C-alpha atoms as a PDB file:
ATOM      1  CA  MET A   1     -16.667  23.126 -21.309  1.00  0.00           C
ATOM      2  CA  LYS A   2     -13.183  24.405 -20.550  1.00  0.00           C
ATOM      3  CA  THR A   3     -11.926  24.464 -17.002  1.00  0.00           C
ATOM      4  CA  LYS A   4      -9.830  27.354 -15.866  1.00  0.00           C
ATOM      5  CA  SER A   5      -6.361  26.187 -14.898  1.00  0.00           C
ATOM      6  CA  LYS A   6      -4.988  27.354 -11.598  1.00  0.00           C
ATOM      7  CA  LYS A   7      -1.532  28.796 -11.366  1.00  0.00           C
ATOM      8  CA  VAL A   8       0.944  26.623  -9.470  1.00  0.00           C
ATOM      9  CA  SER A   9       3.567  28.361  -7.383  1.00  0.00           C
ATOM     10  CA  LYS A  10       7.204  27.289  -7.467  1.00  0.00           C
ATOM     11  CA  ARG A  11       6.859  26.143  -3.855  1.00  0.00           C
ATOM     12  CA  GLN A  12       3.841  23.939  -4.750  1.00  0.00           C
ATOM     13  CA  GLU A  13       5.723  22.510  -7.698  1.00  0.00           C
ATOM     14  CA  ALA A  14       8.777  21.771  -5.545  1.00  0.00           C
ATOM     15  CA  PHE A  15       6.601  20.218  -2.827  1.00  0.00           C
ATOM     16  CA  GLY A  16       4.949  17.903  -5.360  1.00  0.00           C
ATOM     17  CA  PHE A  17       8.352  16.769  -6.576  1.00  0.00           C
ATOM     18  CA  ALA A  18       9.559  16.294  -2.982  1.00  0.00           C
ATOM     19  CA  MET A  19       6.512  14.115  -2.181  1.00  0.00           C
ATOM     20  CA  GLU A  20       7.070  11.983  -5.278  1.00  0.00           C
ATOM     21  CA  LYS A  21      10.771  11.609  -4.510  1.00  0.00           C
ATOM     22  CA  THR A  22      10.057  10.694  -0.874  1.00  0.00           C
ATOM     23  CA  VAL A  23       7.471   8.056  -1.798  1.00  0.00           C
ATOM     24  CA  LYS A  24       9.914   6.469  -4.249  1.00  0.00           C
ATOM     25  CA  MET A  25      12.705   6.506  -1.652  1.00  0.00           C
ATOM     26  CA  MET A  26      10.394   4.915   0.924  1.00  0.00           C
ATOM     27  CA  ARG A  27       9.451   2.107  -1.488  1.00  0.00           C
ATOM     28  CA  LEU A  28      13.078   1.572  -2.500  1.00  0.00           C
ATOM     29  CA  THR A  29      14.285   1.469   1.113  1.00  0.00           C
ATOM     30  CA  PHE A  30      11.521  -0.880   2.274  1.00  0.00           C
ATOM     31  CA  ASN A  31      12.163  -3.145  -0.716  1.00  0.00           C
ATOM     32  CA  ARG A  32      15.884  -3.292   0.148  1.00  0.00           C
ATOM     33  CA  LEU A  33      15.033  -4.192   3.741  1.00  0.00           C
ATOM     34  CA  LEU A  34      12.687  -6.965   2.568  1.00  0.00           C
ATOM     35  CA  LEU A  35      15.460  -8.315   0.320  1.00  0.00           C
ATOM     36  CA  LEU A  36      17.627  -8.743   3.424  1.00  0.00           C
ATOM     37  CA  HIS A  37      15.105 -11.448   4.399  1.00  0.00           C
ATOM     38  CA  PRO A  38      15.220 -13.869   1.425  1.00  0.00           C
ATOM     39  CA  GLU A  39      13.122 -16.343   3.414  1.00  0.00           C
ATOM     40  CA  ALA A  40      10.250 -13.879   3.083  1.00  0.00           C
ATOM     41  CA  ASP A  41      10.400 -13.711  -0.740  1.00  0.00           C
ATOM     42  CA  ILE A  42       7.963 -10.803  -0.869  1.00  0.00           C
ATOM     43  CA  THR A  43       7.719  -7.493  -2.715  1.00  0.00           C
ATOM     44  CA  VAL A  44       6.547  -4.189  -1.285  1.00  0.00           C
ATOM     45  CA  ASP A  45       3.237  -4.453  -3.177  1.00  0.00           C
ATOM     46  CA  GLN A  46       2.666  -8.007  -1.929  1.00  0.00           C
ATOM     47  CA  TRP A  47       3.447  -6.834   1.604  1.00  0.00           C
ATOM     48  CA  ILE A  48       0.855  -4.087   1.259  1.00  0.00           C
ATOM     49  CA  LEU A  49      -1.755  -6.707   0.311  1.00  0.00           C
ATOM     50  CA  ILE A  50      -0.931  -9.053   3.200  1.00  0.00           C
ATOM     51  CA  ASN A  51      -0.905  -6.081   5.571  1.00  0.00           C
ATOM     52  CA  ILE A  52      -4.398  -5.084   4.419  1.00  0.00           C
ATOM     53  CA  LEU A  53      -5.659  -8.678   4.627  1.00  0.00           C
ATOM     54  CA  ASN A  54      -4.176  -9.009   8.102  1.00  0.00           C
ATOM     55  CA  LYS A  55      -5.926  -5.806   9.163  1.00  0.00           C
ATOM     56  CA  TYR A  56      -9.355  -6.361   7.558  1.00  0.00           C
ATOM     57  CA  GLY A  57      -9.586 -10.131   7.134  1.00  0.00           C
ATOM     58  CA  SER A  58     -10.952 -11.699   3.958  1.00  0.00           C
ATOM     59  CA  LEU A  59     -11.744  -9.246   1.157  1.00  0.00           C
ATOM     60  CA  SER A  60     -12.879  -9.308  -2.442  1.00  0.00           C
ATOM     61  CA  GLN A  61     -10.398  -8.532  -5.210  1.00  0.00           C
ATOM     62  CA  GLN A  62     -12.340  -5.336  -5.878  1.00  0.00           C
ATOM     63  CA  GLU A  63     -12.007  -4.242  -2.246  1.00  0.00           C
ATOM     64  CA  LEU A  64      -8.266  -4.957  -2.352  1.00  0.00           C
ATOM     65  CA  GLY A  65      -7.978  -2.859  -5.499  1.00  0.00           C
ATOM     66  CA  GLU A  66      -9.815   0.039  -3.887  1.00  0.00           C
ATOM     67  CA  LEU A  67      -7.733  -0.108  -0.715  1.00  0.00           C
ATOM     68  CA  THR A  68      -4.433  -0.286  -2.634  1.00  0.00           C
ATOM     69  CA  PHE A  69      -5.381   2.098  -5.479  1.00  0.00           C
ATOM     70  CA  LYS A  70      -4.494  -0.579  -8.023  1.00  0.00           C
ATOM     71  CA  ASP A  71      -6.463  -1.542 -11.097  1.00  0.00           C
ATOM     72  CA  ALA A  72      -8.187  -4.917 -11.415  1.00  0.00           C
ATOM     73  CA  PRO A  73      -5.641  -6.567 -13.778  1.00  0.00           C
ATOM     74  CA  THR A  74      -2.752  -5.602 -11.473  1.00  0.00           C
ATOM     75  CA  VAL A  75      -4.527  -6.975  -8.395  1.00  0.00           C
ATOM     76  CA  THR A  76      -5.371 -10.181 -10.281  1.00  0.00           C
ATOM     77  CA  ARG A  77      -1.729 -10.713 -11.317  1.00  0.00           C
ATOM     78  CA  MET A  78      -0.521 -10.053  -7.782  1.00  0.00           C
ATOM     79  CA  ILE A  79      -3.054 -12.457  -6.293  1.00  0.00           C
ATOM     80  CA  ASP A  80      -2.213 -15.134  -8.893  1.00  0.00           C
ATOM     81  CA  LEU A  81       1.435 -15.018  -7.800  1.00  0.00           C
ATOM     82  CA  MET A  82       0.554 -14.894  -4.103  1.00  0.00           C
ATOM     83  CA  VAL A  83      -1.725 -17.941  -4.500  1.00  0.00           C
ATOM     84  CA  GLN A  84       1.153 -19.796  -6.219  1.00  0.00           C
ATOM     85  CA  LYS A  85       3.456 -18.857  -3.324  1.00  0.00           C
ATOM     86  CA  GLY A  86       0.853 -20.071  -0.815  1.00  0.00           C
ATOM     87  CA  MET A  87       0.394 -16.651   0.837  1.00  0.00           C
ATOM     88  CA  VAL A  88      -3.331 -16.319   0.099  1.00  0.00           C
ATOM     89  CA  THR A  89      -6.327 -18.319  -1.017  1.00  0.00           C
ATOM     90  CA  ARG A  90      -8.830 -17.214  -3.643  1.00  0.00           C
ATOM     91  CA  LEU A  91     -12.242 -18.808  -3.201  1.00  0.00           C
ATOM     92  CA  SER A  92     -15.558 -18.154  -4.894  1.00  0.00           C
ATOM     93  CA  ASP A  93     -17.827 -15.856  -2.910  1.00  0.00           C
ATOM     94  CA  ILE A  94     -20.757 -17.871  -1.562  1.00  0.00           C
ATOM     95  CA  LYS A  95     -23.110 -14.903  -2.086  1.00  0.00           C
ATOM     96  CA  ASP A  96     -21.938 -14.066  -5.614  1.00  0.00           C
ATOM     97  CA  ARG A  97     -20.080 -16.760  -7.569  1.00  0.00           C
ATOM     98  CA  ARG A  98     -18.758 -14.139 -10.013  1.00  0.00           C
ATOM     99  CA  LYS A  99     -16.617 -12.711  -7.213  1.00  0.00           C
ATOM    100  CA  PHE A 100     -13.668 -14.112  -5.316  1.00  0.00           C
ATOM    101  CA  VAL A 101     -12.779 -13.767  -1.661  1.00  0.00           C
ATOM    102  CA  ILE A 102      -9.089 -13.431  -0.859  1.00  0.00           C
ATOM    103  CA  SER A 103      -7.798 -14.608   2.521  1.00  0.00           C
ATOM    104  CA  LEU A 104      -4.409 -15.031   4.153  1.00  0.00           C
ATOM    105  CA  THR A 105      -3.244 -18.598   4.538  1.00  0.00           C
ATOM    106  CA  GLU A 106      -1.393 -19.704   7.655  1.00  0.00           C
ATOM    107  CA  SER A 107       1.789 -19.250   5.634  1.00  0.00           C
ATOM    108  CA  GLY A 108       0.669 -15.728   4.716  1.00  0.00           C
ATOM    109  CA  GLN A 109      -0.053 -14.930   8.359  1.00  0.00           C
ATOM    110  CA  ASN A 110       3.403 -16.192   9.346  1.00  0.00           C
ATOM    111  CA  LEU A 111       4.943 -14.131   6.559  1.00  0.00           C
ATOM    112  CA  PHE A 112       3.150 -11.054   7.849  1.00  0.00           C
ATOM    113  CA  LYS A 113       4.466 -11.673  11.362  1.00  0.00           C
ATOM    114  CA  LEU A 114       8.000 -12.109  10.010  1.00  0.00           C
ATOM    115  CA  THR A 115       7.917  -8.912   7.953  1.00  0.00           C
ATOM    116  CA  GLU A 116       5.878  -6.743  10.334  1.00  0.00           C
ATOM    117  CA  THR A 117       8.990  -6.143  12.435  1.00  0.00           C
ATOM    118  CA  VAL A 118      10.897  -5.079   9.323  1.00  0.00           C
ATOM    119  CA  ALA A 119       8.096  -2.636   8.467  1.00  0.00           C
ATOM    120  CA  ARG A 120       8.057  -1.181  11.985  1.00  0.00           C
ATOM    121  CA  GLU A 121      11.825  -0.707  11.998  1.00  0.00           C
ATOM    122  CA  PHE A 122      11.644   0.861   8.544  1.00  0.00           C
ATOM    123  CA  ARG A 123       9.000   3.344   9.677  1.00  0.00           C
ATOM    124  CA  ALA A 124      10.923   4.163  12.844  1.00  0.00           C
ATOM    125  CA  SER A 125      14.043   4.995  10.825  1.00  0.00           C
ATOM    126  CA  ALA A 126      12.044   6.984   8.260  1.00  0.00           C
ATOM    127  CA  TYR A 127      10.423   9.116  10.967  1.00  0.00           C
ATOM    128  CA  ASP A 128      13.566   9.486  13.090  1.00  0.00           C
ATOM    129  CA  ASP A 129      13.976  13.025  14.485  1.00  0.00           C
ATOM    130  CA  ILE A 130      10.419  13.945  13.494  1.00  0.00           C
ATOM    131  CA  SER A 131       8.200  14.832  16.438  1.00  0.00           C
ATOM    132  CA  ASP A 132       4.641  13.587  16.888  1.00  0.00           C
ATOM    133  CA  ASP A 133       3.477  17.191  16.414  1.00  0.00           C
ATOM    134  CA  GLU A 134       5.300  17.409  13.083  1.00  0.00           C
ATOM    135  CA  LEU A 135       3.842  14.081  11.970  1.00  0.00           C
ATOM    136  CA  GLU A 136       0.364  15.287  12.928  1.00  0.00           C
ATOM    137  CA  ILE A 137       0.813  18.442  10.820  1.00  0.00           C
ATOM    138  CA  LEU A 138       2.139  16.401   7.895  1.00  0.00           C
ATOM    139  CA  ASP A 139      -0.775  13.978   8.229  1.00  0.00           C
ATOM    140  CA  GLY A 140      -3.249  16.863   8.090  1.00  0.00           C
ATOM    141  CA  ILE A 141      -1.595  18.320   4.997  1.00  0.00           C
ATOM    142  CA  LEU A 142      -1.498  14.973   3.211  1.00  0.00           C
ATOM    143  CA  LYS A 143      -5.183  14.372   4.019  1.00  0.00           C
ATOM    144  CA  LYS A 144      -6.076  17.769   2.520  1.00  0.00           C
ATOM    145  CA  ILE A 145      -4.101  17.005  -0.647  1.00  0.00           C
ATOM    146  CA  PHE A 146      -5.713  13.561  -0.865  1.00  0.00           C
ATOM    147  CA  ASP A 147      -9.206  15.013  -0.401  1.00  0.00           C
ATOM    148  CA  ASN A 148      -8.559  17.671  -3.073  1.00  0.00           C
ATOM    149  CA  LEU A 149      -7.513  14.958  -5.510  1.00  0.00           C
ATOM    150  CA  ALA A 150     -10.345  12.605  -4.514  1.00  0.00           C
ATOM    151  CA  LYS A 151     -12.868  15.287  -5.503  1.00  0.00           C
ATOM    152  CA  GLN A 152     -11.556  15.017  -9.056  1.00  0.00           C
ATOM    153  CA  ASN A 153     -11.902  11.237  -9.272  1.00  0.00           C
END
């Protein structure tokens, strides 16, 4: 069955490009800030994982994949490297030995504390001169776009 394609306005097209460009600039800027702290030795994607583990505690690899929107092989590679660096542990799940539970090590917790300040400063500079009202409107718009896309997946 064919689906009818919707017409995209020039404004919608430009907005999509602007979102993509902004996300890439945010990643690039945060990565540069993390590189200013060589003692951290962490990438943006690794930081996202330790941030999630700090927030939620121990999680399965599948849960980490769902929360980061990354596929299983990518999450596995990231965790392999993070285990080697001593940031996280990967232990068999007591309830289901086919699954693994990922947890922050003490070193990973210290790394989070070290880089959390960098992340806060990064966000503060990114949102400089943007009011709380503007951020609330943007948040609402982004949630609508996300929900529209989630319906398709």
